[in-house]
N, C-alpha and C. Protein backbone atom coordinates (compact mmCIF):
# COMPACT_ATOMS: atom_id res chain seq x y z
N UNK A 1 19.64 -27.04 -32.25
CA UNK A 1 19.93 -25.88 -31.46
C UNK A 1 18.93 -24.76 -31.81
N UNK A 2 18.46 -24.07 -30.80
CA UNK A 2 17.48 -23.02 -31.01
C UNK A 2 18.17 -21.73 -31.44
N UNK A 3 17.52 -21.04 -32.35
CA UNK A 3 18.04 -19.74 -32.76
C UNK A 3 17.48 -18.66 -31.82
N UNK A 4 17.92 -17.45 -32.02
CA UNK A 4 17.45 -16.35 -31.16
C UNK A 4 15.95 -16.14 -31.29
N UNK A 5 15.42 -16.29 -32.50
CA UNK A 5 13.98 -16.10 -32.69
C UNK A 5 13.17 -17.24 -32.10
N UNK A 6 13.78 -18.40 -31.97
CA UNK A 6 13.08 -19.53 -31.34
C UNK A 6 12.85 -19.26 -29.86
N UNK A 7 13.80 -18.60 -29.22
CA UNK A 7 13.62 -18.24 -27.82
C UNK A 7 12.49 -17.22 -27.66
N UNK A 8 12.39 -16.29 -28.58
CA UNK A 8 11.31 -15.31 -28.54
C UNK A 8 9.97 -16.00 -28.75
N UNK A 9 9.91 -16.93 -29.70
CA UNK A 9 8.68 -17.67 -29.94
C UNK A 9 8.30 -18.52 -28.73
N UNK A 10 9.29 -19.15 -28.11
CA UNK A 10 9.02 -19.94 -26.91
C UNK A 10 8.50 -19.07 -25.78
N UNK A 11 9.08 -17.89 -25.61
CA UNK A 11 8.61 -16.96 -24.59
C UNK A 11 7.19 -16.51 -24.89
N UNK A 12 6.88 -16.25 -26.15
CA UNK A 12 5.53 -15.85 -26.53
C UNK A 12 4.52 -16.96 -26.27
N UNK A 13 4.88 -18.19 -26.58
CA UNK A 13 3.99 -19.32 -26.31
C UNK A 13 3.76 -19.47 -24.81
N UNK A 14 4.81 -19.34 -24.02
CA UNK A 14 4.67 -19.44 -22.56
C UNK A 14 3.78 -18.32 -22.02
N UNK A 15 3.92 -17.12 -22.56
CA UNK A 15 3.09 -16.00 -22.11
C UNK A 15 1.63 -16.24 -22.45
N UNK A 16 1.35 -16.71 -23.64
CA UNK A 16 -0.04 -16.98 -24.04
C UNK A 16 -0.63 -18.10 -23.20
N UNK A 17 0.15 -19.15 -22.95
CA UNK A 17 -0.34 -20.25 -22.11
C UNK A 17 -0.58 -19.78 -20.67
N UNK A 18 0.28 -18.94 -20.15
CA UNK A 18 0.09 -18.43 -18.80
C UNK A 18 -1.21 -17.63 -18.71
N UNK A 19 -1.45 -16.77 -19.68
CA UNK A 19 -2.68 -15.96 -19.68
C UNK A 19 -3.89 -16.87 -19.81
N UNK A 20 -3.82 -17.86 -20.68
CA UNK A 20 -4.95 -18.78 -20.86
C UNK A 20 -5.25 -19.55 -19.58
N UNK A 21 -4.21 -20.00 -18.89
CA UNK A 21 -4.42 -20.74 -17.64
C UNK A 21 -4.99 -19.83 -16.56
N UNK A 22 -4.45 -18.62 -16.43
CA UNK A 22 -4.92 -17.71 -15.39
C UNK A 22 -6.37 -17.31 -15.62
N UNK A 23 -6.77 -17.13 -16.87
CA UNK A 23 -8.15 -16.77 -17.16
C UNK A 23 -9.06 -18.00 -17.15
N UNK A 24 -8.57 -19.10 -17.69
CA UNK A 24 -9.42 -20.28 -17.84
C UNK A 24 -9.60 -21.12 -16.60
N UNK A 25 -8.62 -21.12 -15.70
CA UNK A 25 -8.71 -21.97 -14.51
C UNK A 25 -9.91 -21.64 -13.62
N UNK A 26 -10.18 -20.39 -13.30
CA UNK A 26 -11.37 -20.12 -12.49
C UNK A 26 -12.68 -20.51 -13.18
N UNK A 27 -12.72 -20.37 -14.50
CA UNK A 27 -13.92 -20.76 -15.24
C UNK A 27 -14.13 -22.26 -15.16
N UNK A 28 -13.05 -23.02 -15.35
CA UNK A 28 -13.15 -24.48 -15.28
C UNK A 28 -13.50 -24.94 -13.86
N UNK A 29 -12.88 -24.31 -12.86
CA UNK A 29 -13.18 -24.70 -11.48
C UNK A 29 -14.61 -24.36 -11.08
N UNK A 30 -15.17 -23.30 -11.63
CA UNK A 30 -16.57 -22.98 -11.33
C UNK A 30 -17.52 -23.95 -12.01
N UNK A 31 -17.16 -24.42 -13.22
CA UNK A 31 -17.99 -25.40 -13.92
C UNK A 31 -18.09 -26.71 -13.14
N UNK A 32 -16.98 -27.12 -12.52
CA UNK A 32 -16.99 -28.36 -11.75
C UNK A 32 -17.43 -28.14 -10.31
N UNK A 33 -17.90 -26.95 -10.00
CA UNK A 33 -18.43 -26.58 -8.69
C UNK A 33 -17.39 -26.69 -7.57
N UNK A 34 -16.13 -26.50 -7.93
CA UNK A 34 -15.08 -26.48 -6.92
C UNK A 34 -15.02 -25.10 -6.28
N UNK A 35 -15.18 -24.07 -7.10
CA UNK A 35 -15.23 -22.70 -6.61
C UNK A 35 -16.71 -22.31 -6.49
N UNK A 36 -17.16 -21.87 -5.32
CA UNK A 36 -18.58 -21.54 -5.16
C UNK A 36 -18.95 -20.28 -5.94
N UNK A 37 -20.18 -20.27 -6.38
CA UNK A 37 -20.72 -19.11 -7.11
C UNK A 37 -22.05 -18.75 -6.46
N UNK A 38 -22.00 -17.83 -5.52
CA UNK A 38 -23.20 -17.44 -4.78
C UNK A 38 -23.43 -15.93 -4.91
N UNK A 39 -23.98 -15.50 -6.03
CA UNK A 39 -24.25 -14.06 -6.14
C UNK A 39 -25.38 -13.67 -5.18
N UNK A 40 -25.26 -12.48 -4.63
CA UNK A 40 -26.28 -12.03 -3.70
C UNK A 40 -26.33 -10.51 -3.63
N UNK A 41 -27.28 -10.02 -2.88
CA UNK A 41 -27.46 -8.59 -2.76
C UNK A 41 -26.30 -7.91 -2.07
N UNK A 42 -25.75 -8.54 -1.04
CA UNK A 42 -24.64 -7.94 -0.32
C UNK A 42 -23.37 -7.89 -1.17
N UNK A 43 -23.17 -8.89 -2.01
CA UNK A 43 -21.99 -8.90 -2.86
C UNK A 43 -22.07 -7.88 -3.99
N UNK A 44 -23.27 -7.48 -4.36
CA UNK A 44 -23.44 -6.53 -5.45
C UNK A 44 -23.33 -5.08 -4.99
N UNK A 45 -23.29 -4.83 -3.69
CA UNK A 45 -23.19 -3.46 -3.20
C UNK A 45 -21.76 -2.94 -3.36
N UNK A 46 -21.65 -1.63 -3.39
CA UNK A 46 -20.32 -1.05 -3.50
C UNK A 46 -19.63 -1.14 -2.14
N UNK A 47 -18.36 -1.36 -2.18
CA UNK A 47 -17.60 -1.50 -0.95
C UNK A 47 -16.50 -0.45 -0.97
N UNK A 48 -16.51 0.40 0.02
CA UNK A 48 -15.48 1.41 0.12
C UNK A 48 -15.19 1.66 1.59
N UNK A 49 -14.10 1.17 2.05
CA UNK A 49 -13.66 1.35 3.44
C UNK A 49 -14.66 0.80 4.45
N UNK A 50 -15.48 -0.14 4.07
CA UNK A 50 -16.42 -0.73 5.00
C UNK A 50 -17.61 0.13 5.35
N UNK A 51 -17.75 1.26 4.69
CA UNK A 51 -18.84 2.18 5.01
C UNK A 51 -19.67 2.45 3.76
N UNK A 52 -20.95 2.66 3.95
CA UNK A 52 -21.81 3.02 2.84
C UNK A 52 -21.53 4.48 2.49
N UNK A 53 -21.34 4.74 1.19
CA UNK A 53 -21.05 6.11 0.78
C UNK A 53 -22.29 6.97 0.88
N UNK A 54 -22.06 8.25 1.19
CA UNK A 54 -23.16 9.19 1.23
C UNK A 54 -22.69 10.47 0.54
N UNK A 55 -23.61 11.18 0.00
CA UNK A 55 -23.25 12.37 -0.76
C UNK A 55 -22.87 11.99 -2.17
N UNK A 56 -22.20 12.93 -2.81
CA UNK A 56 -21.80 12.70 -4.19
C UNK A 56 -20.58 11.79 -4.23
N UNK A 57 -20.64 10.75 -5.04
CA UNK A 57 -19.54 9.80 -5.10
C UNK A 57 -18.56 10.12 -6.22
N UNK A 58 -18.90 11.03 -7.11
CA UNK A 58 -18.01 11.39 -8.20
C UNK A 58 -17.11 12.52 -7.73
N UNK A 59 -15.82 12.21 -7.58
CA UNK A 59 -14.86 13.19 -7.12
C UNK A 59 -13.87 13.44 -8.24
N UNK A 60 -13.71 14.68 -8.61
CA UNK A 60 -12.74 15.01 -9.65
C UNK A 60 -11.44 15.47 -9.00
N UNK A 61 -10.34 14.90 -9.48
CA UNK A 61 -9.04 15.25 -8.95
C UNK A 61 -8.52 16.49 -9.65
N UNK A 62 -7.64 17.16 -8.98
CA UNK A 62 -6.99 18.32 -9.56
C UNK A 62 -6.12 17.86 -10.72
N UNK A 63 -6.17 18.58 -11.84
CA UNK A 63 -5.42 18.16 -13.02
C UNK A 63 -3.92 18.27 -12.81
N UNK A 64 -3.47 18.97 -11.79
CA UNK A 64 -2.04 19.10 -11.55
C UNK A 64 -1.41 17.77 -11.12
N UNK A 65 -2.22 16.85 -10.64
CA UNK A 65 -1.68 15.52 -10.35
C UNK A 65 -1.07 14.91 -11.61
N UNK A 66 -1.70 15.15 -12.75
CA UNK A 66 -1.22 14.58 -14.00
C UNK A 66 0.12 15.19 -14.39
N UNK A 67 0.31 16.48 -14.12
CA UNK A 67 1.61 17.08 -14.40
C UNK A 67 2.70 16.42 -13.58
N UNK A 68 2.45 16.22 -12.31
CA UNK A 68 3.45 15.57 -11.45
C UNK A 68 3.71 14.14 -11.92
N UNK A 69 2.66 13.45 -12.31
CA UNK A 69 2.83 12.07 -12.78
C UNK A 69 3.64 12.04 -14.06
N UNK A 70 3.38 12.95 -14.98
CA UNK A 70 4.12 12.97 -16.24
C UNK A 70 5.59 13.34 -16.03
N UNK A 71 5.84 14.27 -15.14
CA UNK A 71 7.23 14.64 -14.86
C UNK A 71 7.96 13.48 -14.19
N UNK A 72 7.30 12.81 -13.27
CA UNK A 72 7.90 11.65 -12.61
C UNK A 72 8.19 10.54 -13.63
N UNK A 73 7.23 10.30 -14.52
CA UNK A 73 7.41 9.26 -15.53
C UNK A 73 8.54 9.62 -16.48
N UNK A 74 8.63 10.87 -16.86
CA UNK A 74 9.70 11.31 -17.75
C UNK A 74 11.07 11.11 -17.11
N UNK A 75 11.19 11.48 -15.85
CA UNK A 75 12.48 11.31 -15.17
C UNK A 75 12.81 9.84 -14.97
N UNK A 76 11.81 9.01 -14.72
CA UNK A 76 12.07 7.57 -14.60
C UNK A 76 12.56 6.97 -15.91
N UNK A 77 11.94 7.36 -17.00
CA UNK A 77 12.35 6.85 -18.31
C UNK A 77 13.75 7.33 -18.64
N UNK A 78 14.05 8.56 -18.26
CA UNK A 78 15.38 9.07 -18.50
C UNK A 78 16.44 8.28 -17.73
N UNK A 79 16.13 7.90 -16.51
CA UNK A 79 17.07 7.09 -15.72
C UNK A 79 17.26 5.72 -16.36
N UNK A 80 16.18 5.16 -16.90
CA UNK A 80 16.29 3.85 -17.56
C UNK A 80 17.23 3.93 -18.75
N UNK A 81 17.21 5.04 -19.48
CA UNK A 81 18.11 5.18 -20.62
C UNK A 81 19.51 5.62 -20.21
N UNK A 82 19.64 6.32 -19.11
CA UNK A 82 20.95 6.78 -18.69
C UNK A 82 21.80 5.67 -18.07
N UNK A 83 21.19 4.71 -17.44
CA UNK A 83 21.96 3.67 -16.76
C UNK A 83 22.80 2.83 -17.73
N UNK A 84 22.22 2.28 -18.81
CA UNK A 84 23.07 1.51 -19.74
C UNK A 84 24.14 2.39 -20.41
N UNK A 85 23.78 3.66 -20.66
CA UNK A 85 24.76 4.57 -21.25
C UNK A 85 25.94 4.76 -20.30
N UNK A 86 25.66 4.93 -19.01
CA UNK A 86 26.73 5.14 -18.04
C UNK A 86 27.60 3.91 -17.88
N UNK A 87 27.02 2.74 -18.02
CA UNK A 87 27.79 1.50 -17.89
C UNK A 87 28.76 1.35 -19.06
N UNK A 88 28.34 1.74 -20.25
CA UNK A 88 29.16 1.57 -21.46
C UNK A 88 29.86 2.85 -21.90
N UNK A 89 30.04 3.81 -21.01
CA UNK A 89 30.56 5.12 -21.38
C UNK A 89 31.97 5.04 -21.97
N UNK A 90 32.82 4.19 -21.43
CA UNK A 90 34.20 4.11 -21.93
C UNK A 90 34.26 3.61 -23.37
N UNK A 91 33.40 2.65 -23.69
CA UNK A 91 33.40 2.09 -25.04
C UNK A 91 32.70 2.99 -26.04
N UNK A 92 31.79 3.82 -25.60
CA UNK A 92 31.01 4.64 -26.53
C UNK A 92 31.76 5.87 -27.02
N UNK A 93 32.58 6.45 -26.19
CA UNK A 93 33.39 7.57 -26.62
C UNK A 93 32.73 8.92 -26.42
N UNK A 94 33.37 9.94 -27.02
CA UNK A 94 32.91 11.31 -26.79
C UNK A 94 31.63 11.65 -27.54
N UNK A 95 31.37 10.98 -28.65
CA UNK A 95 30.13 11.28 -29.39
C UNK A 95 28.90 10.91 -28.55
N UNK A 96 28.99 9.83 -27.82
CA UNK A 96 27.88 9.45 -26.94
C UNK A 96 27.75 10.42 -25.78
N UNK A 97 28.87 10.92 -25.29
CA UNK A 97 28.83 11.90 -24.22
C UNK A 97 28.15 13.18 -24.69
N UNK A 98 28.50 13.62 -25.88
CA UNK A 98 27.88 14.84 -26.41
C UNK A 98 26.38 14.64 -26.67
N UNK A 99 26.02 13.48 -27.18
CA UNK A 99 24.60 13.24 -27.46
C UNK A 99 23.78 13.18 -26.17
N UNK A 100 24.31 12.59 -25.12
CA UNK A 100 23.55 12.52 -23.87
C UNK A 100 23.51 13.89 -23.21
N UNK A 101 24.54 14.71 -23.41
CA UNK A 101 24.49 16.07 -22.89
C UNK A 101 23.41 16.89 -23.60
N UNK A 102 23.20 16.64 -24.87
CA UNK A 102 22.11 17.31 -25.59
C UNK A 102 20.76 16.87 -25.03
N UNK A 103 20.61 15.59 -24.77
CA UNK A 103 19.35 15.08 -24.19
C UNK A 103 19.13 15.70 -22.82
N UNK A 104 20.16 15.74 -22.00
CA UNK A 104 20.01 16.34 -20.67
C UNK A 104 19.71 17.83 -20.76
N UNK A 105 20.27 18.51 -21.74
CA UNK A 105 19.99 19.93 -21.93
C UNK A 105 18.53 20.15 -22.31
N UNK A 106 18.00 19.32 -23.19
CA UNK A 106 16.59 19.45 -23.58
C UNK A 106 15.68 19.19 -22.39
N UNK A 107 15.99 18.18 -21.59
CA UNK A 107 15.18 17.89 -20.40
C UNK A 107 15.29 19.02 -19.39
N UNK A 108 16.48 19.58 -19.22
CA UNK A 108 16.65 20.70 -18.29
C UNK A 108 15.88 21.93 -18.75
N UNK A 109 15.88 22.19 -20.05
CA UNK A 109 15.11 23.32 -20.57
C UNK A 109 13.63 23.11 -20.33
N UNK A 110 13.13 21.90 -20.54
CA UNK A 110 11.73 21.60 -20.26
C UNK A 110 11.39 21.75 -18.79
N UNK A 111 12.29 21.32 -17.94
CA UNK A 111 12.08 21.44 -16.50
C UNK A 111 12.06 22.90 -16.07
N UNK A 112 12.99 23.70 -16.60
CA UNK A 112 13.01 25.13 -16.28
C UNK A 112 11.77 25.82 -16.80
N UNK A 113 11.32 25.44 -17.99
CA UNK A 113 10.10 26.03 -18.54
C UNK A 113 8.89 25.70 -17.65
N UNK A 114 8.81 24.45 -17.19
CA UNK A 114 7.70 24.07 -16.31
C UNK A 114 7.79 24.83 -14.99
N UNK A 115 8.99 25.06 -14.50
CA UNK A 115 9.17 25.80 -13.26
C UNK A 115 8.76 27.26 -13.43
N UNK A 116 9.19 27.88 -14.54
CA UNK A 116 8.88 29.29 -14.79
C UNK A 116 7.39 29.51 -15.07
N UNK A 117 6.74 28.53 -15.70
CA UNK A 117 5.31 28.67 -15.97
C UNK A 117 4.45 28.26 -14.78
N UNK A 118 5.10 28.01 -13.65
CA UNK A 118 4.46 27.69 -12.37
C UNK A 118 3.58 26.44 -12.44
N UNK A 119 4.08 25.45 -13.18
CA UNK A 119 3.36 24.17 -13.26
C UNK A 119 3.55 23.36 -11.98
N UNK A 120 4.59 23.67 -11.20
CA UNK A 120 4.86 22.93 -9.99
C UNK A 120 4.19 23.51 -8.76
N UNK A 121 3.58 24.68 -8.89
CA UNK A 121 2.96 25.31 -7.73
C UNK A 121 1.60 24.71 -7.46
N UNK A 122 1.33 24.50 -6.21
CA UNK A 122 0.08 23.90 -5.77
C UNK A 122 -0.85 25.00 -5.27
N UNK A 123 -2.05 25.02 -5.80
CA UNK A 123 -3.01 26.06 -5.38
C UNK A 123 -4.12 25.47 -4.56
């Protein structure tokens, strides 16, 4: 009978084998000339929407995108932790309720601070 760690080891072996097959299969197929390898000038050109780029190709994004992404990621992670807590709320008791209220208070304070410092305003 397998122990709990044996299942983890089996999963790790399967993951390593999957990665090896996904990386190694195209290499093996190219060696046996099953997959064509025809490098050329047209394949080496940049492709963007079917049109040749003109002008400056380096575009810098507004750094406020990162603020929105971080806030979105923070709220997503919070939902991931809140869901199991909500499912087991009856068994956890009032101490878990108080601890999650502290977490929500800290997140709310951070959100209010970001709002007051005008991090959400778009210029």
